[in-house]
Amino acid sequence: MRNSILRPLGIAAITATLALGACGGQNTGDAEGSSGANSTSDKQPEAKSSLPQGRLAAPGDARVYFIGLEDGDTVSSPVTLRFGLEGAGVAPAGMHKEGTGHHHLLVDVEDFPTDRPLPADEQHIHFGGGQTQTELELEPGEHTLQLVLGDWKHQPHDPVVSSERITIMVE
């Protein structure tokens, strides 16, 4: 993998990073060594979450797409990317609201998990603040881009709502 193939710029990237930090803890189990392992009589019952678990149903006819960028386009860096969404609303990560999600941008990724939250790294960029536009610095050469709509916990819907994977050439 190439180091630093892209760098999100501007306030959108900072917001996404902060949103990830705020909702990134996916572990719902007990931390190691956090309770007295020898005694079970003083354990409190676990609180049940009213939030849905597992994959959420996709909004009926939802689709995500790039605005003003098509497969085969040649661009220069930094690249302005605008995200389109039809048939669903945008809501920030951590906020469960029926019929909504937030964008995830996959850069040079061939496949992604659908049974768990999407990873967060240079190739799986989360827009957990509900952003619909960003600027990316990409190294010269060929790159693939794909959008995936994620639910309140960064997991793809069922069925997955994703754009076609497009290939662009960066000069």
C-alpha atoms as a PDB file:
ATOM      1  CA  MET A   1       0.000   0.000   0.000  1.00  0.00           C
ATOM      2  CA  ARG A   2       1.243   3.449  -0.797  1.00  0.00           C
ATOM      3  CA  ASN A   3       1.892   5.786   2.106  1.00  0.00           C
ATOM      4  CA  SER A   4      -0.267   8.884   2.210  1.00  0.00           C
ATOM      5  CA  ILE A   5      -2.048   8.340  -1.096  1.00  0.00           C
ATOM      6  CA  LEU A   6      -4.465  11.044  -0.070  1.00  0.00           C
ATOM      7  CA  ARG A   7      -5.000  13.697   2.525  1.00  0.00           C
ATOM      8  CA  PRO A   8      -8.463  15.052   3.283  1.00  0.00           C
ATOM      9  CA  LEU A   9      -8.345  18.826   3.387  1.00  0.00           C
ATOM     10  CA  GLY A  10     -10.415  21.431   5.153  1.00  0.00           C
ATOM     11  CA  ILE A  11     -12.977  21.474   7.871  1.00  0.00           C
ATOM     12  CA  ALA A  12     -14.911  18.472   6.485  1.00  0.00           C
ATOM     13  CA  ALA A  13     -12.000  16.146   7.186  1.00  0.00           C
ATOM     14  CA  ILE A  14     -11.510  17.519  10.689  1.00  0.00           C
ATOM     15  CA  THR A  15     -15.212  17.089  11.435  1.00  0.00           C
ATOM     16  CA  ALA A  16     -15.159  13.522  10.114  1.00  0.00           C
ATOM     17  CA  THR A  17     -12.149  12.706  12.277  1.00  0.00           C
ATOM     18  CA  LEU A  18     -13.813  14.139  15.374  1.00  0.00           C
ATOM     19  CA  ALA A  19     -17.028  12.252  14.624  1.00  0.00           C
ATOM     20  CA  LEU A  20     -15.092   9.015  14.300  1.00  0.00           C
ATOM     21  CA  GLY A  21     -13.391   9.582  17.628  1.00  0.00           C
ATOM     22  CA  ALA A  22     -16.714  10.244  19.284  1.00  0.00           C
ATOM     23  CA  CYS A  23     -18.411   7.132  17.954  1.00  0.00           C
ATOM     24  CA  GLY A  24     -15.517   4.833  17.201  1.00  0.00           C
ATOM     25  CA  GLY A  25     -15.818   2.563  20.231  1.00  0.00           C
ATOM     26  CA  GLN A  26     -17.639  -0.482  18.938  1.00  0.00           C
ATOM     27  CA  ASN A  27     -16.770  -2.814  21.819  1.00  0.00           C
ATOM     28  CA  THR A  28     -19.799  -3.569  23.921  1.00  0.00           C
ATOM     29  CA  GLY A  29     -18.228  -6.228  26.104  1.00  0.00           C
ATOM     30  CA  ASP A  30     -16.563  -5.839  29.497  1.00  0.00           C
ATOM     31  CA  ALA A  31     -12.994  -4.572  29.481  1.00  0.00           C
ATOM     32  CA  GLU A  32     -10.449  -7.091  30.677  1.00  0.00           C
ATOM     33  CA  GLY A  33      -9.900  -6.909  34.376  1.00  0.00           C
ATOM     34  CA  SER A  34     -12.720  -4.428  34.925  1.00  0.00           C
ATOM     35  CA  SER A  35     -14.734  -6.534  37.326  1.00  0.00           C
ATOM     36  CA  GLY A  36     -14.107  -9.011  40.099  1.00  0.00           C
ATOM     37  CA  ALA A  37     -13.894 -12.285  38.204  1.00  0.00           C
ATOM     38  CA  ASN A  38     -14.498 -14.398  41.323  1.00  0.00           C
ATOM     39  CA  SER A  39     -17.868 -12.956  42.257  1.00  0.00           C
ATOM     40  CA  THR A  40     -21.019 -12.932  40.127  1.00  0.00           C
ATOM     41  CA  SER A  41     -23.509 -12.030  42.862  1.00  0.00           C
ATOM     42  CA  ASP A  42     -22.661  -8.297  42.786  1.00  0.00           C
ATOM     43  CA  LYS A  43     -22.841  -7.935  38.996  1.00  0.00           C
ATOM     44  CA  GLN A  44     -25.374  -5.435  37.730  1.00  0.00           C
ATOM     45  CA  PRO A  45     -27.625  -6.534  34.880  1.00  0.00           C
ATOM     46  CA  GLU A  46     -26.478  -5.257  31.506  1.00  0.00           C
ATOM     47  CA  ALA A  47     -28.478  -2.363  30.134  1.00  0.00           C
ATOM     48  CA  LYS A  48     -30.244  -3.257  26.893  1.00  0.00           C
ATOM     49  CA  SER A  49     -29.891  -0.725  24.108  1.00  0.00           C
ATOM     50  CA  SER A  50     -33.033   0.464  22.397  1.00  0.00           C
ATOM     51  CA  LEU A  51     -30.984   1.085  19.254  1.00  0.00           C
ATOM     52  CA  PRO A  52     -31.250  -1.560  16.544  1.00  0.00           C
ATOM     53  CA  GLN A  53     -28.372  -4.003  16.226  1.00  0.00           C
ATOM     54  CA  GLY A  54     -27.056  -5.783  13.138  1.00  0.00           C
ATOM     55  CA  ARG A  55     -27.510  -4.436   9.634  1.00  0.00           C
ATOM     56  CA  LEU A  56     -30.317  -1.957   9.110  1.00  0.00           C
ATOM     57  CA  ALA A  57     -32.658  -2.209   6.163  1.00  0.00           C
ATOM     58  CA  ALA A  58     -31.714   0.153   3.368  1.00  0.00           C
ATOM     59  CA  PRO A  59     -34.132   2.937   2.578  1.00  0.00           C
ATOM     60  CA  GLY A  60     -36.294   1.619  -0.310  1.00  0.00           C
ATOM     61  CA  ASP A  61     -34.841   3.199  -3.420  1.00  0.00           C
ATOM     62  CA  ALA A  62     -31.752   4.884  -1.986  1.00  0.00           C
ATOM     63  CA  ARG A  63     -28.739   5.462  -4.199  1.00  0.00           C
ATOM     64  CA  VAL A  64     -25.421   7.285  -3.783  1.00  0.00           C
ATOM     65  CA  TYR A  65     -23.340   8.757  -6.578  1.00  0.00           C
ATOM     66  CA  PHE A  66     -20.624  11.259  -7.417  1.00  0.00           C
ATOM     67  CA  ILE A  67     -21.739  14.663  -8.672  1.00  0.00           C
ATOM     68  CA  GLY A  68     -19.728  15.994 -11.616  1.00  0.00           C
ATOM     69  CA  LEU A  69     -17.234  13.123 -11.697  1.00  0.00           C
ATOM     70  CA  GLU A  70     -17.510  10.140 -14.011  1.00  0.00           C
ATOM     71  CA  ASP A  71     -15.674   6.933 -14.740  1.00  0.00           C
ATOM     72  CA  GLY A  72     -12.618   7.671 -16.907  1.00  0.00           C
ATOM     73  CA  ASP A  73     -12.318  11.377 -15.995  1.00  0.00           C
ATOM     74  CA  THR A  74      -8.868  12.955 -15.807  1.00  0.00           C
ATOM     75  CA  VAL A  75      -8.445  15.376 -12.893  1.00  0.00           C
ATOM     76  CA  SER A  76      -5.736  17.268 -11.060  1.00  0.00           C
ATOM     77  CA  SER A  77      -5.040  17.158  -7.352  1.00  0.00           C
ATOM     78  CA  PRO A  78      -6.534  18.255  -5.049  1.00  0.00           C
ATOM     79  CA  VAL A  79      -9.756  16.724  -6.317  1.00  0.00           C
ATOM     80  CA  THR A  80     -13.071  18.192  -5.194  1.00  0.00           C
ATOM     81  CA  LEU A  81     -15.573  15.404  -4.616  1.00  0.00           C
ATOM     82  CA  ARG A  82     -19.286  16.023  -4.167  1.00  0.00           C
ATOM     83  CA  PHE A  83     -21.539  13.217  -2.976  1.00  0.00           C
ATOM     84  CA  GLY A  84     -25.105  12.772  -4.181  1.00  0.00           C
ATOM     85  CA  LEU A  85     -27.836  10.859  -2.362  1.00  0.00           C
ATOM     86  CA  GLU A  86     -31.394  10.082  -3.456  1.00  0.00           C
ATOM     87  CA  GLY A  87     -34.123   8.210  -1.622  1.00  0.00           C
ATOM     88  CA  ALA A  88     -32.593   8.681   1.838  1.00  0.00           C
ATOM     89  CA  GLY A  89     -31.478  11.435   4.175  1.00  0.00           C
ATOM     90  CA  VAL A  90     -28.090  12.290   5.620  1.00  0.00           C
ATOM     91  CA  ALA A  91     -27.583  11.968   9.380  1.00  0.00           C
ATOM     92  CA  PRO A  92     -24.349  12.046  11.366  1.00  0.00           C
ATOM     93  CA  ALA A  93     -22.743   8.906  12.729  1.00  0.00           C
ATOM     94  CA  GLY A  94     -23.966   7.965  16.181  1.00  0.00           C
ATOM     95  CA  MET A  95     -27.487   9.248  15.457  1.00  0.00           C
ATOM     96  CA  HIS A  96     -30.002   6.562  14.551  1.00  0.00           C
ATOM     97  CA  LYS A  97     -32.776   7.950  12.404  1.00  0.00           C
ATOM     98  CA  GLU A  98     -34.865   5.755  10.111  1.00  0.00           C
ATOM     99  CA  GLY A  99     -34.149   6.180   6.399  1.00  0.00           C
ATOM    100  CA  THR A 100     -30.786   7.923   6.829  1.00  0.00           C
ATOM    101  CA  GLY A 101     -27.066   7.296   6.701  1.00  0.00           C
ATOM    102  CA  HIS A 102     -23.779   9.038   6.058  1.00  0.00           C
ATOM    103  CA  HIS A 103     -21.162   8.792   3.345  1.00  0.00           C
ATOM    104  CA  HIS A 104     -18.008   6.694   3.264  1.00  0.00           C
ATOM    105  CA  LEU A 105     -15.475   7.144   0.473  1.00  0.00           C
ATOM    106  CA  LEU A 106     -13.444   4.119  -0.594  1.00  0.00           C
ATOM    107  CA  VAL A 107     -10.192   4.908  -2.413  1.00  0.00           C
ATOM    108  CA  ASP A 108      -8.436   2.118  -4.301  1.00  0.00           C
ATOM    109  CA  VAL A 109     -10.527  -0.515  -2.496  1.00  0.00           C
ATOM    110  CA  GLU A 110     -11.793  -3.579  -4.357  1.00  0.00           C
ATOM    111  CA  ASP A 111     -14.022  -5.057  -1.659  1.00  0.00           C
ATOM    112  CA  PHE A 112     -15.388  -3.981   1.712  1.00  0.00           C
ATOM    113  CA  PRO A 113     -17.067  -5.692   4.679  1.00  0.00           C
ATOM    114  CA  THR A 114     -20.852  -5.642   4.869  1.00  0.00           C
ATOM    115  CA  ASP A 115     -21.234  -7.604   8.107  1.00  0.00           C
ATOM    116  CA  ARG A 116     -19.501  -5.055  10.353  1.00  0.00           C
ATOM    117  CA  PRO A 117     -18.647  -1.339  10.449  1.00  0.00           C
ATOM    118  CA  LEU A 118     -16.397  -0.098   7.681  1.00  0.00           C
ATOM    119  CA  PRO A 119     -12.758   0.386   8.705  1.00  0.00           C
ATOM    120  CA  ALA A 120     -11.440   3.926   9.071  1.00  0.00           C
ATOM    121  CA  ASP A 121      -8.108   4.539   7.368  1.00  0.00           C
ATOM    122  CA  GLU A 122      -6.588   6.322   4.359  1.00  0.00           C
ATOM    123  CA  GLN A 123      -8.575   4.131   1.974  1.00  0.00           C
ATOM    124  CA  HIS A 124     -11.901   4.045   3.896  1.00  0.00           C
ATOM    125  CA  ILE A 125     -12.751   7.666   4.664  1.00  0.00           C
ATOM    126  CA  HIS A 126     -15.711   8.327   6.950  1.00  0.00           C
ATOM    127  CA  PHE A 127     -17.852  11.435   6.696  1.00  0.00           C
ATOM    128  CA  GLY A 128     -19.575  10.866  10.029  1.00  0.00           C
ATOM    129  CA  GLY A 129     -20.490  14.524  10.430  1.00  0.00           C
ATOM    130  CA  GLY A 130     -22.901  14.245   7.511  1.00  0.00           C
ATOM    131  CA  GLN A 131     -20.591  15.980   5.020  1.00  0.00           C
ATOM    132  CA  THR A 132     -21.455  15.791   1.334  1.00  0.00           C
ATOM    133  CA  GLN A 133     -18.266  17.265  -0.150  1.00  0.00           C
ATOM    134  CA  THR A 134     -14.522  17.085   0.370  1.00  0.00           C
ATOM    135  CA  GLU A 135     -11.187  17.841  -1.271  1.00  0.00           C
ATOM    136  CA  LEU A 136      -8.579  15.102  -1.530  1.00  0.00           C
ATOM    137  CA  GLU A 137      -4.966  15.163  -2.532  1.00  0.00           C
ATOM    138  CA  LEU A 138      -4.273  12.106  -4.626  1.00  0.00           C
ATOM    139  CA  GLU A 139      -0.937  10.994  -6.016  1.00  0.00           C
ATOM    140  CA  PRO A 140      -0.654  11.130  -9.804  1.00  0.00           C
ATOM    141  CA  GLY A 141      -1.879   7.971 -11.490  1.00  0.00           C
ATOM    142  CA  GLU A 142      -4.988   5.837 -11.679  1.00  0.00           C
ATOM    143  CA  HIS A 143      -7.327   5.611  -8.685  1.00  0.00           C
ATOM    144  CA  THR A 144     -10.681   3.989  -8.019  1.00  0.00           C
ATOM    145  CA  LEU A 145     -13.382   5.732  -5.980  1.00  0.00           C
ATOM    146  CA  GLN A 146     -16.623   4.380  -4.559  1.00  0.00           C
ATOM    147  CA  LEU A 147     -19.230   5.735  -2.155  1.00  0.00           C
ATOM    148  CA  VAL A 148     -20.964   3.588   0.443  1.00  0.00           C
ATOM    149  CA  LEU A 149     -23.851   4.750   2.615  1.00  0.00           C
ATOM    150  CA  GLY A 150     -23.312   3.680   6.221  1.00  0.00           C
ATOM    151  CA  ASP A 151     -25.777   3.587   9.095  1.00  0.00           C
ATOM    152  CA  TRP A 152     -25.402   5.279  12.479  1.00  0.00           C
ATOM    153  CA  LYS A 153     -22.608   2.857  13.404  1.00  0.00           C
ATOM    154  CA  HIS A 154     -20.722   2.979  10.057  1.00  0.00           C
ATOM    155  CA  GLN A 155     -22.131  -0.342   8.819  1.00  0.00           C
ATOM    156  CA  PRO A 156     -23.471  -0.737   5.276  1.00  0.00           C
ATOM    157  CA  HIS A 157     -27.241  -1.145   4.991  1.00  0.00           C
ATOM    158  CA  ASP A 158     -29.014  -4.320   3.851  1.00  0.00           C
ATOM    159  CA  PRO A 159     -28.939  -4.361   0.894  1.00  0.00           C
ATOM    160  CA  VAL A 160     -25.784  -2.294   0.496  1.00  0.00           C
ATOM    161  CA  VAL A 161     -26.291   1.218  -0.892  1.00  0.00           C
ATOM    162  CA  SER A 162     -23.158   2.011  -2.891  1.00  0.00           C
ATOM    163  CA  SER A 163     -22.139   3.831  -6.039  1.00  0.00           C
ATOM    164  CA  GLU A 164     -20.479   2.186  -8.973  1.00  0.00           C
ATOM    165  CA  ARG A 165     -16.727   2.041  -8.467  1.00  0.00           C
ATOM    166  CA  ILE A 166     -15.252   4.578 -10.880  1.00  0.00           C
ATOM    167  CA  THR A 167     -11.690   4.935 -12.117  1.00  0.00           C
ATOM    168  CA  ILE A 168     -10.106   8.363 -12.476  1.00  0.00           C
ATOM    169  CA  MET A 169      -6.697   9.479 -13.697  1.00  0.00           C
ATOM    170  CA  VAL A 170      -4.904  12.085 -11.598  1.00  0.00           C
ATOM    171  CA  GLU A 171      -2.335  14.232 -13.437  1.00  0.00           C
END
